[in-house]
Protein backbone atom coordinates (compact mmCIF):
# COMPACT_ATOMS: atom_id res chain seq x y z
CA UNK A 1 0.00 0.00 0.00
CA UNK A 2 1.31 3.44 -0.94
CA UNK A 3 1.60 6.03 1.82
CA UNK A 4 -0.90 8.87 1.56
CA UNK A 5 0.76 12.02 0.33
CA UNK A 6 -0.40 15.30 1.80
CA UNK A 7 -1.31 18.17 -0.50
CA UNK A 8 -1.04 21.75 0.72
CA UNK A 9 -2.55 24.78 -1.02
CA UNK A 10 -0.13 27.65 -1.65
CA UNK A 11 -1.99 30.86 -0.87
CA UNK A 12 -1.43 34.54 -1.63
CA UNK A 13 0.07 35.86 1.61
CA UNK A 14 -1.19 38.95 3.42
CA UNK A 15 1.35 41.50 2.24
CA UNK A 16 -0.04 44.57 3.94
CA UNK A 17 -2.50 47.05 2.57
CA UNK A 18 -2.22 45.88 -1.02
CA UNK A 19 -5.40 46.49 -2.98
CA UNK A 20 -4.10 45.03 -6.23
CA UNK A 21 -1.74 42.07 -6.38
CA UNK A 22 -0.46 40.64 -9.65
CA UNK A 23 1.24 37.29 -10.14
CA UNK A 24 3.94 38.38 -12.58
CA UNK A 25 6.11 35.29 -12.89
CA UNK A 26 6.28 31.60 -12.02
CA UNK A 27 9.78 30.27 -11.27
CA UNK A 28 8.55 26.66 -11.30
CA UNK A 29 6.22 24.49 -13.37
CA UNK A 30 3.91 21.57 -12.60
CA UNK A 31 5.91 18.47 -11.68
CA UNK A 32 8.91 20.42 -10.35
CA UNK A 33 10.50 19.25 -7.09
CA UNK A 34 10.98 22.23 -4.76
CA UNK A 35 12.84 22.82 -1.52
CA UNK A 36 11.69 24.67 1.58
CA UNK A 37 12.13 28.46 1.16
CA UNK A 38 12.60 28.18 -2.64
CA UNK A 39 11.04 31.13 -4.47
CA UNK A 40 8.07 29.80 -6.44
CA UNK A 41 6.62 32.96 -7.96
CA UNK A 42 6.71 36.74 -7.80
CA UNK A 43 3.82 38.86 -6.61
CA UNK A 44 3.74 42.60 -7.30
CA UNK A 45 1.71 45.34 -5.62
CA UNK A 46 1.72 49.04 -6.39
CA UNK A 47 4.46 49.44 -3.77
CA UNK A 48 6.74 46.38 -3.94
CA UNK A 49 7.59 42.93 -5.32
CA UNK A 50 7.26 39.91 -3.03
CA UNK A 51 8.40 36.33 -3.63
CA UNK A 52 6.17 33.44 -2.61
CA UNK A 53 8.40 30.82 -1.01
CA UNK A 54 7.71 27.14 -0.56
CA UNK A 55 6.73 26.33 3.05
CA UNK A 56 8.35 22.87 2.80
CA UNK A 57 9.97 20.35 0.44
CA UNK A 58 7.61 18.84 -2.11
CA UNK A 59 6.36 18.70 -5.69
CA UNK A 60 4.23 21.30 -7.48
CA UNK A 61 1.29 19.16 -8.58
CA UNK A 62 -1.01 21.89 -9.91
CA UNK A 63 -0.66 25.57 -10.80
CA UNK A 64 -4.03 27.27 -10.39
CA UNK A 65 -3.28 30.87 -11.45
CA UNK A 66 -1.56 31.92 -14.64
CA UNK A 67 1.22 34.45 -15.01
CA UNK A 68 -0.09 38.06 -15.12
CA UNK A 69 -3.23 37.13 -13.13
CA UNK A 70 -4.75 39.54 -10.64
CA UNK A 71 -5.01 37.74 -7.29
CA UNK A 72 -6.29 38.43 -3.76
CA UNK A 73 -4.96 37.67 -0.30
CA UNK A 74 -5.85 34.08 0.65
CA UNK A 75 -6.46 32.94 -2.93
CA UNK A 76 -4.96 29.57 -3.95
CA UNK A 77 -2.08 29.87 -6.40
CA UNK A 78 -0.91 26.27 -6.59
CA UNK A 79 -1.00 22.87 -4.87
CA UNK A 80 2.15 21.45 -3.25
CA UNK A 81 2.41 17.73 -2.50
CA UNK A 82 4.75 17.37 0.46
CA UNK A 83 7.14 14.50 1.12
PDB file of N, CA and C in Angstrom:
ATOM      1  N   UNK A   1       0.830  -1.193   0.000  1.00  0.00           N
ATOM      2  CA  UNK A   1       0.000   0.000   0.000  1.00  0.00           C
ATOM      3  C   UNK A   1       0.872   1.253   0.000  1.00  0.00           C
ATOM      4  N   UNK A   2       0.554   2.197  -0.869  1.00  0.00           N
ATOM      5  CA  UNK A   2       1.311   3.440  -0.938  1.00  0.00           C
ATOM      6  C   UNK A   2       0.951   4.341   0.235  1.00  0.00           C
ATOM      7  N   UNK A   3       1.942   5.065   0.779  1.00  0.00           N
ATOM      8  CA  UNK A   3       1.603   6.033   1.825  1.00  0.00           C
ATOM      9  C   UNK A   3       0.796   7.189   1.230  1.00  0.00           C
ATOM     10  N   UNK A   4      -0.089   7.735   2.016  1.00  0.00           N
ATOM     11  CA  UNK A   4      -0.896   8.865   1.555  1.00  0.00           C
ATOM     12  C   UNK A   4      -0.013  10.110   1.549  1.00  0.00           C
ATOM     13  N   UNK A   5      -0.026  10.803   0.432  1.00  0.00           N
ATOM     14  CA  UNK A   5       0.756  12.022   0.326  1.00  0.00           C
ATOM     15  C   UNK A   5      -0.146  13.207   0.644  1.00  0.00           C
ATOM     16  N   UNK A   6       0.384  14.138   1.407  1.00  0.00           N
ATOM     17  CA  UNK A   6      -0.396  15.301   1.797  1.00  0.00           C
ATOM     18  C   UNK A   6      -0.228  16.420   0.781  1.00  0.00           C
ATOM     19  N   UNK A   7      -1.348  17.034   0.416  1.00  0.00           N
ATOM     20  CA  UNK A   7      -1.312  18.168  -0.495  1.00  0.00           C
ATOM     21  C   UNK A   7      -1.670  19.431   0.271  1.00  0.00           C
ATOM     22  N   UNK A   8      -0.892  20.488   0.014  1.00  0.00           N
ATOM     23  CA  UNK A   8      -1.040  21.751   0.723  1.00  0.00           C
ATOM     24  C   UNK A   8      -1.297  22.855  -0.302  1.00  0.00           C
ATOM     25  N   UNK A   9      -2.348  23.656  -0.104  1.00  0.00           N
ATOM     26  CA  UNK A   9      -2.552  24.779  -1.021  1.00  0.00           C
ATOM     27  C   UNK A   9      -1.536  25.885  -0.737  1.00  0.00           C
ATOM     28  N   UNK A  10      -1.022  26.501  -1.787  1.00  0.00           N
ATOM     29  CA  UNK A  10      -0.134  27.650  -1.649  1.00  0.00           C
ATOM     30  C   UNK A  10      -0.983  28.893  -1.881  1.00  0.00           C
ATOM     31  N   UNK A  11      -1.075  29.729  -0.867  1.00  0.00           N
ATOM     32  CA  UNK A  11      -1.993  30.865  -0.870  1.00  0.00           C
ATOM     33  C   UNK A  11      -1.261  32.186  -1.042  1.00  0.00           C
ATOM     34  N   UNK A  12      -1.972  33.182  -1.571  1.00  0.00           N
ATOM     35  CA  UNK A  12      -1.434  34.537  -1.628  1.00  0.00           C
ATOM     36  C   UNK A  12      -1.314  35.027  -0.187  1.00  0.00           C
ATOM     37  N   UNK A  13      -0.096  35.407   0.226  1.00  0.00           N
ATOM     38  CA  UNK A  13       0.069  35.859   1.609  1.00  0.00           C
ATOM     39  C   UNK A  13      -0.503  37.262   1.816  1.00  0.00           C
ATOM     40  N   UNK A  14      -0.747  37.596   3.068  1.00  0.00           N
ATOM     41  CA  UNK A  14      -1.187  38.945   3.421  1.00  0.00           C
ATOM     42  C   UNK A  14       0.056  39.828   3.391  1.00  0.00           C
ATOM     43  N   UNK A  15       0.154  40.674   2.390  1.00  0.00           N
ATOM     44  CA  UNK A  15       1.347  41.502   2.237  1.00  0.00           C
ATOM     45  C   UNK A  15       1.022  42.966   2.498  1.00  0.00           C
ATOM     46  N   UNK A  16       0.262  43.196   3.546  1.00  0.00           N
ATOM     47  CA  UNK A  16      -0.042  44.569   3.942  1.00  0.00           C
ATOM     48  C   UNK A  16      -1.287  45.098   3.269  1.00  0.00           C
ATOM     49  N   UNK A  17      -1.314  46.386   3.088  1.00  0.00           N
ATOM     50  CA  UNK A  17      -2.503  47.055   2.574  1.00  0.00           C
ATOM     51  C   UNK A  17      -2.543  47.081   1.049  1.00  0.00           C
ATOM     52  N   UNK A  18      -2.221  45.966   0.437  1.00  0.00           N
ATOM     53  CA  UNK A  18      -2.216  45.881  -1.025  1.00  0.00           C
ATOM     54  C   UNK A  18      -3.636  45.689  -1.543  1.00  0.00           C
ATOM     55  N   UNK A  19      -4.071  46.624  -2.378  1.00  0.00           N
ATOM     56  CA  UNK A  19      -5.399  46.492  -2.979  1.00  0.00           C
ATOM     57  C   UNK A  19      -5.339  45.642  -4.240  1.00  0.00           C
ATOM     58  N   UNK A  20      -4.278  45.824  -5.017  1.00  0.00           N
ATOM     59  CA  UNK A  20      -4.101  45.032  -6.230  1.00  0.00           C
ATOM     60  C   UNK A  20      -2.808  44.241  -6.129  1.00  0.00           C
ATOM     61  N   UNK A  21      -2.911  42.944  -6.374  1.00  0.00           N
ATOM     62  CA  UNK A  21      -1.735  42.069  -6.382  1.00  0.00           C
ATOM     63  C   UNK A  21      -1.740  41.351  -7.722  1.00  0.00           C
ATOM     64  N   UNK A  22      -0.585  41.328  -8.361  1.00  0.00           N
ATOM     65  CA  UNK A  22      -0.465  40.637  -9.645  1.00  0.00           C
ATOM     66  C   UNK A  22       0.606  39.558  -9.542  1.00  0.00           C
ATOM     67  N   UNK A  23       0.272  38.372 -10.045  1.00  0.00           N
ATOM     68  CA  UNK A  23       1.240  37.290 -10.136  1.00  0.00           C
ATOM     69  C   UNK A  23       1.982  37.509 -11.446  1.00  0.00           C
ATOM     70  N   UNK A  24       3.239  37.989 -11.363  1.00  0.00           N
ATOM     71  CA  UNK A  24       3.943  38.381 -12.583  1.00  0.00           C
ATOM     72  C   UNK A  24       4.819  37.289 -13.182  1.00  0.00           C
ATOM     73  N   UNK A  25       5.221  36.312 -12.349  1.00  0.00           N
ATOM     74  CA  UNK A  25       6.113  35.285 -12.889  1.00  0.00           C
ATOM     75  C   UNK A  25       6.098  34.031 -12.023  1.00  0.00           C
ATOM     76  N   UNK A  26       6.052  32.884 -12.685  1.00  0.00           N
ATOM     77  CA  UNK A  26       6.281  31.598 -12.021  1.00  0.00           C
ATOM     78  C   UNK A  26       7.737  31.214 -12.224  1.00  0.00           C
ATOM     79  N   UNK A  27       8.402  30.752 -11.182  1.00  0.00           N
ATOM     80  CA  UNK A  27       9.781  30.271 -11.267  1.00  0.00           C
ATOM     81  C   UNK A  27       9.833  28.748 -11.332  1.00  0.00           C
ATOM     82  N   UNK A  28       8.661  28.121 -11.263  1.00  0.00           N
ATOM     83  CA  UNK A  28       8.550  26.656 -11.302  1.00  0.00           C
ATOM     84  C   UNK A  28       7.413  26.281 -12.246  1.00  0.00           C
ATOM     85  N   UNK A  29       7.336  24.983 -12.570  1.00  0.00           N
ATOM     86  CA  UNK A  29       6.215  24.486 -13.372  1.00  0.00           C
ATOM     87  C   UNK A  29       5.667  23.226 -12.709  1.00  0.00           C
ATOM     88  N   UNK A  30       4.512  22.784 -13.164  1.00  0.00           N
ATOM     89  CA  UNK A  30       3.912  21.572 -12.598  1.00  0.00           C
ATOM     90  C   UNK A  30       4.884  20.409 -12.744  1.00  0.00           C
ATOM     91  N   UNK A  31       5.018  19.614 -11.676  1.00  0.00           N
ATOM     92  CA  UNK A  31       5.909  18.469 -11.677  1.00  0.00           C
ATOM     93  C   UNK A  31       7.282  18.762 -11.102  1.00  0.00           C
ATOM     94  N   UNK A  32       7.602  20.058 -10.900  1.00  0.00           N
ATOM     95  CA  UNK A  32       8.909  20.420 -10.346  1.00  0.00           C
ATOM     96  C   UNK A  32       9.015  20.037  -8.867  1.00  0.00           C
ATOM     97  N   UNK A  33      10.174  19.505  -8.494  1.00  0.00           N
ATOM     98  CA  UNK A  33      10.498  19.252  -7.089  1.00  0.00           C
ATOM     99  C   UNK A  33      11.059  20.547  -6.531  1.00  0.00           C
ATOM    100  N   UNK A  34      10.535  20.980  -5.372  1.00  0.00           N
ATOM    101  CA  UNK A  34      10.979  22.231  -4.759  1.00  0.00           C
ATOM    102  C   UNK A  34      11.459  21.986  -3.338  1.00  0.00           C
ATOM    103  N   UNK A  35      12.299  22.881  -2.878  1.00  0.00           N
ATOM    104  CA  UNK A  35      12.845  22.825  -1.518  1.00  0.00           C
ATOM    105  C   UNK A  35      12.197  23.902  -0.662  1.00  0.00           C
ATOM    106  N   UNK A  36      12.194  23.684   0.643  1.00  0.00           N
ATOM    107  CA  UNK A  36      11.686  24.675   1.581  1.00  0.00           C
ATOM    108  C   UNK A  36      12.401  25.998   1.337  1.00  0.00           C
ATOM    109  N   UNK A  37      11.653  27.080   1.349  1.00  0.00           N
ATOM    110  CA  UNK A  37      12.125  28.458   1.161  1.00  0.00           C
ATOM    111  C   UNK A  37      12.522  28.802  -0.281  1.00  0.00           C
ATOM    112  N   UNK A  38      12.336  27.874  -1.228  1.00  0.00           N
ATOM    113  CA  UNK A  38      12.604  28.176  -2.635  1.00  0.00           C
ATOM    114  C   UNK A  38      11.548  29.164  -3.135  1.00  0.00           C
ATOM    115  N   UNK A  39      11.976  30.168  -3.906  1.00  0.00           N
ATOM    116  CA  UNK A  39      11.036  31.134  -4.466  1.00  0.00           C
ATOM    117  C   UNK A  39      10.255  30.500  -5.615  1.00  0.00           C
ATOM    118  N   UNK A  40       8.932  30.458  -5.462  1.00  0.00           N
ATOM    119  CA  UNK A  40       8.067  29.797  -6.437  1.00  0.00           C
ATOM    120  C   UNK A  40       7.526  30.760  -7.476  1.00  0.00           C
ATOM    121  N   UNK A  41       7.156  31.964  -7.032  1.00  0.00           N
ATOM    122  CA  UNK A  41       6.621  32.959  -7.959  1.00  0.00           C
ATOM    123  C   UNK A  41       6.841  34.346  -7.386  1.00  0.00           C
ATOM    124  N   UNK A  42       6.575  35.350  -8.224  1.00  0.00           N
ATOM    125  CA  UNK A  42       6.711  36.736  -7.800  1.00  0.00           C
ATOM    126  C   UNK A  42       5.350  37.413  -7.833  1.00  0.00           C
ATOM    127  N   UNK A  43       5.053  38.103  -6.740  1.00  0.00           N
ATOM    128  CA  UNK A  43       3.821  38.861  -6.614  1.00  0.00           C
ATOM    129  C   UNK A  43       4.186  40.340  -6.545  1.00  0.00           C
ATOM    130  N   UNK A  44       3.441  41.173  -7.264  1.00  0.00           N
ATOM    131  CA  UNK A  44       3.739  42.598  -7.299  1.00  0.00           C
ATOM    132  C   UNK A  44       2.509  43.385  -6.863  1.00  0.00           C
ATOM    133  N   UNK A  45       2.755  44.382  -5.998  1.00  0.00           N
ATOM    134  CA  UNK A  45       1.715  45.339  -5.622  1.00  0.00           C
ATOM    135  C   UNK A  45       2.135  46.694  -6.186  1.00  0.00           C
ATOM    136  N   UNK A  46       1.348  47.710  -5.917  1.00  0.00           N
ATOM    137  CA  UNK A  46       1.716  49.043  -6.388  1.00  0.00           C
ATOM    138  C   UNK A  46       2.966  49.554  -5.684  1.00  0.00           C
ATOM    139  N   UNK A  47       3.330  48.941  -4.553  1.00  0.00           N
ATOM    140  CA  UNK A  47       4.460  49.436  -3.769  1.00  0.00           C
ATOM    141  C   UNK A  47       5.708  48.556  -3.824  1.00  0.00           C
ATOM    142  N   UNK A  48       5.569  47.258  -4.039  1.00  0.00           N
ATOM    143  CA  UNK A  48       6.742  46.381  -3.939  1.00  0.00           C
ATOM    144  C   UNK A  48       6.512  45.043  -4.644  1.00  0.00           C
ATOM    145  N   UNK A  49       7.613  44.292  -4.792  1.00  0.00           N
ATOM    146  CA  UNK A  49       7.587  42.933  -5.324  1.00  0.00           C
ATOM    147  C   UNK A  49       7.881  41.976  -4.180  1.00  0.00           C
ATOM    148  N   UNK A  50       7.107  40.896  -4.092  1.00  0.00           N
ATOM    149  CA  UNK A  50       7.260  39.910  -3.027  1.00  0.00           C
ATOM    150  C   UNK A  50       7.375  38.518  -3.626  1.00  0.00           C
ATOM    151  N   UNK A  51       8.350  37.725  -3.181  1.00  0.00           N
ATOM    152  CA  UNK A  51       8.404  36.334  -3.630  1.00  0.00           C
ATOM    153  C   UNK A  51       7.472  35.479  -2.775  1.00  0.00           C
ATOM    154  N   UNK A  52       6.886  34.465  -3.376  1.00  0.00           N
ATOM    155  CA  UNK A  52       6.165  33.444  -2.611  1.00  0.00           C
ATOM    156  C   UNK A  52       7.124  32.272  -2.490  1.00  0.00           C
ATOM    157  N   UNK A  53       7.455  31.901  -1.253  1.00  0.00           N
ATOM    158  CA  UNK A  53       8.402  30.819  -1.014  1.00  0.00           C
ATOM    159  C   UNK A  53       7.678  29.546  -0.604  1.00  0.00           C
ATOM    160  N   UNK A  54       8.288  28.429  -0.916  1.00  0.00           N
ATOM    161  CA  UNK A  54       7.709  27.139  -0.557  1.00  0.00           C
ATOM    162  C   UNK A  54       7.805  26.942   0.957  1.00  0.00           C
ATOM    163  N   UNK A  55       6.702  26.540   1.599  1.00  0.00           N
ATOM    164  CA  UNK A  55       6.728  26.334   3.050  1.00  0.00           C
ATOM    165  C   UNK A  55       7.461  25.053   3.457  1.00  0.00           C
ATOM    166  N   UNK A  56       7.678  24.141   2.496  1.00  0.00           N
ATOM    167  CA  UNK A  56       8.353  22.873   2.798  1.00  0.00           C
ATOM    168  C   UNK A  56       8.780  22.200   1.503  1.00  0.00           C
ATOM    169  N   UNK A  57       9.566  21.120   1.615  1.00  0.00           N
ATOM    170  CA  UNK A  57       9.971  20.347   0.444  1.00  0.00           C
ATOM    171  C   UNK A  57       8.748  19.653  -0.154  1.00  0.00           C
ATOM    172  N   UNK A  58       8.722  19.536  -1.470  1.00  0.00           N
ATOM    173  CA  UNK A  58       7.609  18.842  -2.105  1.00  0.00           C
ATOM    174  C   UNK A  58       7.668  18.931  -3.624  1.00  0.00           C
ATOM    175  N   UNK A  59       6.506  18.663  -4.236  1.00  0.00           N
ATOM    176  CA  UNK A  59       6.362  18.700  -5.690  1.00  0.00           C
ATOM    177  C   UNK A  59       5.169  19.590  -6.025  1.00  0.00           C
ATOM    178  N   UNK A  60       5.348  20.471  -7.008  1.00  0.00           N
ATOM    179  CA  UNK A  60       4.231  21.297  -7.484  1.00  0.00           C
ATOM    180  C   UNK A  60       3.341  20.393  -8.338  1.00  0.00           C
ATOM    181  N   UNK A  61       2.158  20.069  -7.840  1.00  0.00           N
ATOM    182  CA  UNK A  61       1.287  19.159  -8.585  1.00  0.00           C
ATOM    183  C   UNK A  61       0.284  19.903  -9.471  1.00  0.00           C
ATOM    184  N   UNK A  62      -0.039  21.142  -9.108  1.00  0.00           N
ATOM    185  CA  UNK A  62      -1.014  21.888  -9.912  1.00  0.00           C
ATOM    186  C   UNK A  62      -0.781  23.381  -9.725  1.00  0.00           C
ATOM    187  N   UNK A  63      -0.701  24.113 -10.831  1.00  0.00           N
ATOM    188  CA  UNK A  63      -0.661  25.570 -10.798  1.00  0.00           C
ATOM    189  C   UNK A  63      -2.058  26.057 -11.142  1.00  0.00           C
ATOM    190  N   UNK A  64      -2.632  26.858 -10.254  1.00  0.00           N
ATOM    191  CA  UNK A  64      -4.029  27.268 -10.392  1.00  0.00           C
ATOM    192  C   UNK A  64      -4.209  28.661 -10.997  1.00  0.00           C
ATOM    193  N   UNK A  65      -3.190  29.499 -10.912  1.00  0.00           N
ATOM    194  CA  UNK A  65      -3.280  30.868 -11.448  1.00  0.00           C
ATOM    195  C   UNK A  65      -2.172  31.076 -12.470  1.00  0.00           C
ATOM    196  N   UNK A  66      -2.524  31.674 -13.574  1.00  0.00           N
ATOM    197  CA  UNK A  66      -1.556  31.919 -14.636  1.00  0.00           C
ATOM    198  C   UNK A  66      -0.765  33.188 -14.376  1.00  0.00           C
ATOM    199  N   UNK A  67       0.389  33.255 -15.016  1.00  0.00           N
ATOM    200  CA  UNK A  67       1.224  34.451 -15.005  1.00  0.00           C
ATOM    201  C   UNK A  67       0.382  35.642 -15.455  1.00  0.00           C
ATOM    202  N   UNK A  68       0.611  36.784 -14.836  1.00  0.00           N
ATOM    203  CA  UNK A  68      -0.086  38.055 -15.116  1.00  0.00           C
ATOM    204  C   UNK A  68      -1.527  38.075 -14.617  1.00  0.00           C
ATOM    205  N   UNK A  69      -1.892  37.143 -13.726  1.00  0.00           N
ATOM    206  CA  UNK A  69      -3.234  37.131 -13.128  1.00  0.00           C
ATOM    207  C   UNK A  69      -3.310  38.127 -11.976  1.00  0.00           C
ATOM    208  N   UNK A  70      -4.466  38.739 -11.819  1.00  0.00           N
ATOM    209  CA  UNK A  70      -4.750  39.544 -10.635  1.00  0.00           C
ATOM    210  C   UNK A  70      -5.239  38.575  -9.563  1.00  0.00           C
ATOM    211  N   UNK A  71      -4.661  38.668  -8.364  1.00  0.00           N
ATOM    212  CA  UNK A  71      -5.014  37.742  -7.290  1.00  0.00           C
ATOM    213  C   UNK A  71      -5.316  38.513  -6.007  1.00  0.00           C
ATOM    214  N   UNK A  72      -5.921  37.816  -5.048  1.00  0.00           N
ATOM    215  CA  UNK A  72      -6.287  38.426  -3.765  1.00  0.00           C
ATOM    216  C   UNK A  72      -5.666  37.640  -2.619  1.00  0.00           C
ATOM    217  N   UNK A  73      -5.493  38.313  -1.498  1.00  0.00           N
ATOM    218  CA  UNK A  73      -4.963  37.667  -0.302  1.00  0.00           C
ATOM    219  C   UNK A  73      -5.816  36.442   0.032  1.00  0.00           C
ATOM    220  N   UNK A  74      -5.151  35.312   0.289  1.00  0.00           N
ATOM    221  CA  UNK A  74      -5.848  34.083   0.648  1.00  0.00           C
ATOM    222  C   UNK A  74      -6.234  33.206  -0.528  1.00  0.00           C
ATOM    223  N   UNK A  75      -6.094  33.716  -1.743  1.00  0.00           N
ATOM    224  CA  UNK A  75      -6.460  32.943  -2.931  1.00  0.00           C
ATOM    225  C   UNK A  75      -5.421  31.858  -3.187  1.00  0.00           C
ATOM    226  N   UNK A  76      -5.872  30.694  -3.651  1.00  0.00           N
ATOM    227  CA  UNK A  76      -4.960  29.571  -3.953  1.00  0.00           C
ATOM    228  C   UNK A  76      -4.230  29.826  -5.261  1.00  0.00           C
ATOM    229  N   UNK A  77      -2.906  29.700  -5.200  1.00  0.00           N
ATOM    230  CA  UNK A  77      -2.084  29.872  -6.405  1.00  0.00           C
ATOM    231  C   UNK A  77      -1.674  28.544  -7.009  1.00  0.00           C
ATOM    232  N   UNK A  78      -1.396  27.570  -6.140  1.00  0.00           N
ATOM    233  CA  UNK A  78      -0.912  26.265  -6.592  1.00  0.00           C
ATOM    234  C   UNK A  78      -1.127  25.249  -5.485  1.00  0.00           C
ATOM    235  N   UNK A  79      -0.895  23.967  -5.843  1.00  0.00           N
ATOM    236  CA  UNK A  79      -0.996  22.871  -4.870  1.00  0.00           C
ATOM    237  C   UNK A  79       0.386  22.216  -4.765  1.00  0.00           C
ATOM    238  N   UNK A  80       0.861  22.071  -3.543  1.00  0.00           N
ATOM    239  CA  UNK A  80       2.148  21.451  -3.252  1.00  0.00           C
ATOM    240  C   UNK A  80       1.900  20.107  -2.583  1.00  0.00           C
ATOM    241  N   UNK A  81       2.477  19.041  -3.143  1.00  0.00           N
ATOM    242  CA  UNK A  81       2.410  17.732  -2.501  1.00  0.00           C
ATOM    243  C   UNK A  81       3.699  17.571  -1.704  1.00  0.00           C
ATOM    244  N   UNK A  82       3.554  17.419  -0.391  1.00  0.00           N
ATOM    245  CA  UNK A  82       4.745  17.365   0.459  1.00  0.00           C
ATOM    246  C   UNK A  82       5.225  15.935   0.655  1.00  0.00           C
ATOM    247  N   UNK A  83       6.522  15.815   0.925  1.00  0.00           N
ATOM    248  CA  UNK A  83       7.144  14.500   1.118  1.00  0.00           C
ATOM    249  C   UNK A  83       6.863  13.996   2.513  1.00  0.00           C
TER     250      UNK A  83
END
